[in-house]
C-alpha atoms as a PDB file:
ATOM      1  CA  MET A   1      -5.166 -11.876 -15.716  1.00  0.00           C
ATOM      2  CA  VAL A   2      -5.650  -8.295 -17.297  1.00  0.00           C
ATOM      3  CA  GLN A   3      -8.950  -8.727 -16.035  1.00  0.00           C
ATOM      4  CA  LEU A   4      -7.044  -8.673 -12.592  1.00  0.00           C
ATOM      5  CA  VAL A   5      -5.055  -6.042 -13.359  1.00  0.00           C
ATOM      6  CA  TYR A   6      -8.257  -3.889 -14.008  1.00  0.00           C
ATOM      7  CA  PHE A   7     -10.025  -5.128 -10.724  1.00  0.00           C
ATOM      8  CA  PHE A   8      -7.326  -3.923  -9.248  1.00  0.00           C
ATOM      9  CA  ILE A   9      -7.403  -0.284 -10.889  1.00  0.00           C
ATOM     10  CA  ASP A  10     -11.204  -0.225 -10.555  1.00  0.00           C
ATOM     11  CA  LEU A  11     -10.979  -0.740  -6.786  1.00  0.00           C
ATOM     12  CA  CYS A  12      -7.871   1.751  -6.500  1.00  0.00           C
ATOM     13  CA  LEU A  13     -10.510   3.945  -8.224  1.00  0.00           C
ATOM     14  CA  LEU A  14     -13.176   2.838  -5.970  1.00  0.00           C
ATOM     15  CA  ARG A  15     -15.406   1.610  -8.072  1.00  0.00           C
ATOM     16  CA  ARG A  16     -15.082  -2.121  -6.860  1.00  0.00           C
ATOM     17  CA  LYS A  17     -15.321  -3.487  -3.359  1.00  0.00           C
ATOM     18  CA  PRO A  18     -13.165  -5.929  -1.707  1.00  0.00           C
ATOM     19  CA  GLN A  19     -16.063  -8.554  -1.828  1.00  0.00           C
ATOM     20  CA  ASP A  20     -15.927  -8.702  -5.171  1.00  0.00           C
ATOM     21  CA  LEU A  21     -12.376 -11.077  -5.464  1.00  0.00           C
ATOM     22  CA  PRO A  22     -12.718 -15.075  -5.226  1.00  0.00           C
ATOM     23  CA  ALA A  23     -11.492 -15.816  -1.734  1.00  0.00           C
ATOM     24  CA  SER A  24      -8.554 -17.370  -3.259  1.00  0.00           C
ATOM     25  CA  THR A  25      -5.303 -18.524  -1.621  1.00  0.00           C
ATOM     26  CA  THR A  26      -3.713 -18.346  -5.282  1.00  0.00           C
ATOM     27  CA  LEU A  27      -4.593 -14.781  -5.943  1.00  0.00           C
ATOM     28  CA  PHE A  28      -3.659 -13.787  -2.459  1.00  0.00           C
ATOM     29  CA  GLY A  29      -0.012 -15.438  -3.076  1.00  0.00           C
ATOM     30  CA  LEU A  30       0.219 -14.337  -6.275  1.00  0.00           C
ATOM     31  CA  VAL A  31      -0.922 -10.592  -5.995  1.00  0.00           C
ATOM     32  CA  LEU A  32       1.547 -10.626  -2.981  1.00  0.00           C
ATOM     33  CA  GLY A  33       4.502 -11.378  -5.247  1.00  0.00           C
ATOM     34  CA  VAL A  34       3.531  -8.530  -7.933  1.00  0.00           C
ATOM     35  CA  ALA A  35       3.747  -6.744  -4.386  1.00  0.00           C
ATOM     36  CA  LEU A  36       6.929  -7.237  -3.546  1.00  0.00           C
ATOM     37  CA  LEU A  37       8.467  -6.783  -7.025  1.00  0.00           C
ATOM     38  CA  GLY A  38       6.939  -4.015  -6.498  1.00  0.00           C
ATOM     39  CA  GLY A  39       7.864  -2.386  -3.236  1.00  0.00           C
ATOM     40  CA  LEU A  40      11.342  -3.918  -4.293  1.00  0.00           C
ATOM     41  CA  LEU A  41      11.445  -1.602  -7.606  1.00  0.00           C
ATOM     42  CA  LEU A  42       9.984   1.265  -5.990  1.00  0.00           C
ATOM     43  CA  SER A  43      12.920   1.057  -2.606  1.00  0.00           C
ATOM     44  CA  MET A  44      15.641   0.587  -5.294  1.00  0.00           C
ATOM     45  CA  THR A  45      14.073   3.555  -7.513  1.00  0.00           C
ATOM     46  CA  ALA A  46      14.184   5.416  -4.385  1.00  0.00           C
ATOM     47  CA  GLY A  47      17.957   4.791  -3.619  1.00  0.00           C
ATOM     48  CA  ALA A  48      17.609   1.933  -1.274  1.00  0.00           C
ATOM     49  CA  SER A  49      19.583  -1.201  -0.846  1.00  0.00           C
ATOM     50  CA  LEU A  50      18.636  -4.587  -2.050  1.00  0.00           C
ATOM     51  CA  LEU A  51      18.677  -6.075   1.344  1.00  0.00           C
ATOM     52  CA  SER A  52      16.744  -2.640   2.889  1.00  0.00           C
ATOM     53  CA  GLY A  53      14.455  -2.767   0.335  1.00  0.00           C
ATOM     54  CA  VAL A  54      13.518  -6.638   0.359  1.00  0.00           C
ATOM     55  CA  ALA A  55      12.895  -5.779   4.487  1.00  0.00           C
ATOM     56  CA  GLN A  56      11.211  -3.399   4.318  1.00  0.00           C
ATOM     57  CA  THR A  57       9.232  -3.865   1.753  1.00  0.00           C
ATOM     58  CA  LEU A  58       8.398  -7.030   3.893  1.00  0.00           C
ATOM     59  CA  LEU A  59       7.749  -5.829   6.914  1.00  0.00           C
ATOM     60  CA  ASP A  60       5.457  -3.091   5.354  1.00  0.00           C
ATOM     61  CA  LEU A  61       3.212  -6.042   4.148  1.00  0.00           C
ATOM     62  CA  PHE A  62       3.707  -8.189   7.038  1.00  0.00           C
ATOM     63  CA  LEU A  63       2.118  -4.990   9.440  1.00  0.00           C
ATOM     64  CA  MET A  64      -0.305  -4.696   7.495  1.00  0.00           C
ATOM     65  CA  LEU A  65      -1.627  -8.057   6.876  1.00  0.00           C
ATOM     66  CA  GLY A  66      -1.102  -8.945  10.563  1.00  0.00           C
ATOM     67  CA  VAL A  67      -2.545  -6.071  12.215  1.00  0.00           C
ATOM     68  CA  LEU A  68      -6.128  -6.540   9.636  1.00  0.00           C
ATOM     69  CA  HIS A  69      -5.808 -10.339  10.813  1.00  0.00           C
ATOM     70  CA  VAL A  70      -5.773  -9.092  14.293  1.00  0.00           C
ATOM     71  CA  ALA A  71      -8.855  -6.513  13.537  1.00  0.00           C
ATOM     72  CA  LEU A  72     -11.178  -8.797  12.103  1.00  0.00           C
ATOM     73  CA  LYS A  73     -10.697 -11.039  14.242  1.00  0.00           C
ATOM     74  CA  ALA A  74     -11.501  -8.902  17.148  1.00  0.00           C
ATOM     75  CA  VAL A  75     -15.119  -7.993  15.350  1.00  0.00           C
ATOM     76  CA  ASN A  76     -15.582 -10.902  15.098  1.00  0.00           C
ATOM     77  CA  LYS A  77     -14.970 -10.759  11.059  1.00  0.00           C
ATOM     78  CA  ARG A  78     -12.418 -13.053  10.112  1.00  0.00           C
ATOM     79  CA  ALA A  79     -14.310 -14.862   7.467  1.00  0.00           C
ATOM     80  CA  ARG A  80     -13.453 -11.588   5.358  1.00  0.00           C
ATOM     81  CA  TYR A  81      -9.683 -11.764   6.056  1.00  0.00           C
ATOM     82  CA  LEU A  82      -8.277 -13.285   2.692  1.00  0.00           C
ATOM     83  CA  GLN A  83     -10.440 -11.493   0.318  1.00  0.00           C
ATOM     84  CA  THR A  84     -10.043  -7.808   2.173  1.00  0.00           C
ATOM     85  CA  ALA A  85      -6.064  -9.124   2.632  1.00  0.00           C
ATOM     86  CA  THR A  86      -5.624  -9.911  -0.923  1.00  0.00           C
ATOM     87  CA  ALA A  87      -7.335  -6.119  -1.808  1.00  0.00           C
ATOM     88  CA  LEU A  88      -5.224  -4.487   0.101  1.00  0.00           C
ATOM     89  CA  VAL A  89      -2.136  -5.734  -1.052  1.00  0.00           C
ATOM     90  CA  GLY A  90      -3.298  -5.275  -4.864  1.00  0.00           C
ATOM     91  CA  ALA A  91      -4.498  -1.905  -4.451  1.00  0.00           C
ATOM     92  CA  ASP A  92      -1.174  -1.189  -2.743  1.00  0.00           C
ATOM     93  CA  ALA A  93       0.945  -2.891  -5.399  1.00  0.00           C
ATOM     94  CA  VAL A  94      -1.368  -0.574  -8.101  1.00  0.00           C
ATOM     95  CA  ILE A  95      -0.318   2.526  -6.042  1.00  0.00           C
ATOM     96  CA  GLY A  96       3.291   1.538  -5.645  1.00  0.00           C
ATOM     97  CA  PHE A  97       3.832   0.890  -9.183  1.00  0.00           C
ATOM     98  CA  VAL A  98       2.243   4.752 -10.155  1.00  0.00           C
ATOM     99  CA  ALA A  99       4.612   6.208  -7.443  1.00  0.00           C
ATOM    100  CA  LEU A 100       6.824   4.973  -9.990  1.00  0.00           C
ATOM    101  CA  LEU A 101       7.130   7.831 -11.536  1.00  0.00           C
ATOM    102  CA  PRO A 102       7.310  10.822  -9.270  1.00  0.00           C
ATOM    103  CA  VAL A 103      10.140   8.724  -7.602  1.00  0.00           C
ATOM    104  CA  THR A 104      12.246   8.490 -10.490  1.00  0.00           C
ATOM    105  CA  LEU A 105      11.066  12.562 -11.214  1.00  0.00           C
ATOM    106  CA  ALA A 106      12.644  13.056  -7.686  1.00  0.00           C
ATOM    107  CA  GLY A 107      15.272  10.309  -7.918  1.00  0.00           C
ATOM    108  CA  PRO A 108      18.367  12.389  -9.990  1.00  0.00           C
ATOM    109  CA  ALA A 109      17.875  15.600  -8.537  1.00  0.00           C
ATOM    110  CA  LEU A 110      18.642  14.128  -4.830  1.00  0.00           C
ATOM    111  CA  GLY A 111      21.463  15.713  -3.184  1.00  0.00           C
ATOM    112  CA  ALA A 112      21.045  18.745  -5.573  1.00  0.00           C
ATOM    113  CA  GLU A 113      19.306  22.038  -5.837  1.00  0.00           C
ATOM    114  CA  PRO A 114      15.525  21.336  -6.278  1.00  0.00           C
ATOM    115  CA  GLY A 115      14.310  22.391  -9.424  1.00  0.00           C
ATOM    116  CA  PRO A 116      11.146  22.192 -10.814  1.00  0.00           C
ATOM    117  CA  ASP A 117      11.103  18.342 -10.636  1.00  0.00           C
ATOM    118  CA  VAL A 118      11.348  17.813  -7.719  1.00  0.00           C
ATOM    119  CA  LEU A 119       8.453  20.151  -6.552  1.00  0.00           C
ATOM    120  CA  LEU A 120       6.038  18.339  -9.713  1.00  0.00           C
ATOM    121  CA  ALA A 121       7.825  15.064  -7.937  1.00  0.00           C
ATOM    122  CA  GLY A 122       6.586  16.087  -4.415  1.00  0.00           C
ATOM    123  CA  LEU A 123       2.919  17.210  -5.356  1.00  0.00           C
ATOM    124  CA  LEU A 124       2.273  14.006  -7.009  1.00  0.00           C
ATOM    125  CA  PHE A 125       3.641  11.932  -4.430  1.00  0.00           C
ATOM    126  CA  LEU A 126       1.518  13.527  -1.692  1.00  0.00           C
ATOM    127  CA  ALA A 127      -1.613  12.994  -3.978  1.00  0.00           C
ATOM    128  CA  LEU A 128      -0.591   9.630  -4.595  1.00  0.00           C
ATOM    129  CA  VAL A 129      -0.515   9.205  -0.600  1.00  0.00           C
ATOM    130  CA  ALA A 130      -3.931  10.846  -0.508  1.00  0.00           C
ATOM    131  CA  TRP A 131      -4.911   8.874  -2.812  1.00  0.00           C
ATOM    132  CA  SER A 132      -3.644   5.662  -1.371  1.00  0.00           C
ATOM    133  CA  VAL A 133      -5.389   6.150   2.215  1.00  0.00           C
ATOM    134  CA  LEU A 134      -8.761   7.064   0.199  1.00  0.00           C
ATOM    135  CA  VAL A 135      -8.181   3.693  -1.446  1.00  0.00           C
ATOM    136  CA  VAL A 136      -7.800   1.600   2.231  1.00  0.00           C
ATOM    137  CA  GLY A 137     -10.303   3.796   3.836  1.00  0.00           C
ATOM    138  CA  HIS A 138     -12.672   2.329   0.684  1.00  0.00           C
ATOM    139  CA  ILE A 139     -11.659  -1.193   1.327  1.00  0.00           C
ATOM    140  CA  LEU A 140     -12.112  -1.104   5.003  1.00  0.00           C
ATOM    141  CA  ARG A 141     -14.771   0.190   4.799  1.00  0.00           C
ATOM    142  CA  HIS A 142     -16.144  -2.926   3.009  1.00  0.00           C
ATOM    143  CA  ALA A 143     -14.816  -4.881   5.736  1.00  0.00           C
ATOM    144  CA  PHE A 144     -14.806  -3.815   8.775  1.00  0.00           C
ATOM    145  CA  ASP A 145     -18.322  -1.920   7.226  1.00  0.00           C
ATOM    146  CA  LEU A 146     -17.797   1.471   8.909  1.00  0.00           C
ATOM    147  CA  PRO A 147     -18.343   4.609   7.024  1.00  0.00           C
ATOM    148  CA  LEU A 148     -15.943   5.850   4.124  1.00  0.00           C
ATOM    149  CA  ALA A 149     -14.475   9.033   6.860  1.00  0.00           C
ATOM    150  CA  GLN A 150     -14.162   6.551   9.202  1.00  0.00           C
ATOM    151  CA  GLY A 151     -12.166   4.085   6.866  1.00  0.00           C
ATOM    152  CA  VAL A 152     -10.233   6.911   6.022  1.00  0.00           C
ATOM    153  CA  PHE A 153      -9.286   7.768   9.357  1.00  0.00           C
ATOM    154  CA  ILE A 154      -8.360   4.259  11.145  1.00  0.00           C
ATOM    155  CA  ALA A 155      -6.066   4.215   6.774  1.00  0.00           C
ATOM    156  CA  ILE A 156      -4.579   7.404   8.105  1.00  0.00           C
ATOM    157  CA  GLY A 157      -3.262   6.518  11.773  1.00  0.00           C
ATOM    158  CA  PHE A 158      -2.717   3.235  10.215  1.00  0.00           C
ATOM    159  CA  ASP A 159       0.010   4.711   7.789  1.00  0.00           C
ATOM    160  CA  ILE A 160       1.486   6.703  10.954  1.00  0.00           C
ATOM    161  CA  PHE A 161       1.974   3.700  13.151  1.00  0.00           C
ATOM    162  CA  SER A 162       3.507   2.285  10.485  1.00  0.00           C
ATOM    163  CA  PHE A 163       5.888   4.569   9.352  1.00  0.00           C
ATOM    164  CA  VAL A 164       7.100   4.736  12.860  1.00  0.00           C
ATOM    165  CA  VAL A 165       7.501   0.841  13.342  1.00  0.00           C
ATOM    166  CA  ILE A 166       9.656   0.294  10.080  1.00  0.00           C
ATOM    167  CA  SER A 167      11.648   3.481  10.436  1.00  0.00           C
ATOM    168  CA  ALA A 168      12.316   2.546  14.279  1.00  0.00           C
ATOM    169  CA  LEU A 169      13.614  -1.127  12.801  1.00  0.00           C
ATOM    170  CA  ILE A 170      14.726  -0.041   9.545  1.00  0.00           C
ATOM    171  CA  GLN A 171      17.161   3.043  11.161  1.00  0.00           C
ATOM    172  CA  GLY A 172      16.925   1.791  14.854  1.00  0.00           C
ATOM    173  CA  PRO A 173      16.297   4.586  17.294  1.00  0.00           C
ATOM    174  CA  ALA A 174      16.865   8.129  16.905  1.00  0.00           C
END
């Protein structure tokens, strides 16, 4: 189990590739469970209700896995789905757990006068977003046989798409 944690940390440090993972539905289920727990914890730490946290986390996972499935099928690389999905979900979970630090730093100051803790939290969170985009780009480049820059570009596009869709579904139309 510790080796799996190290694998996903190495994946997030761009030292490993998604194809280094076994194509295992059991591993995928385990990683999904950890990601759901991490997403829920992150949402609740940010001040969301339990129901909202579950809905947002499930929507995010469903959207990511659905778009990945369609994209891999479209380029005739559907056989890579399980490993790529496991890598994306596992990397998202690692980065989500790391994101607890800036969210916790900003949490007590929400609604109050912004201080140095909020500035630090914002900078840390911005760095995590950039890191997350790079990690997803790294995973996508291996899954789709693309240059890293194209993988990063797709990751940015998907993050924007995901934010718009989930915001519209959770908060309703503006």
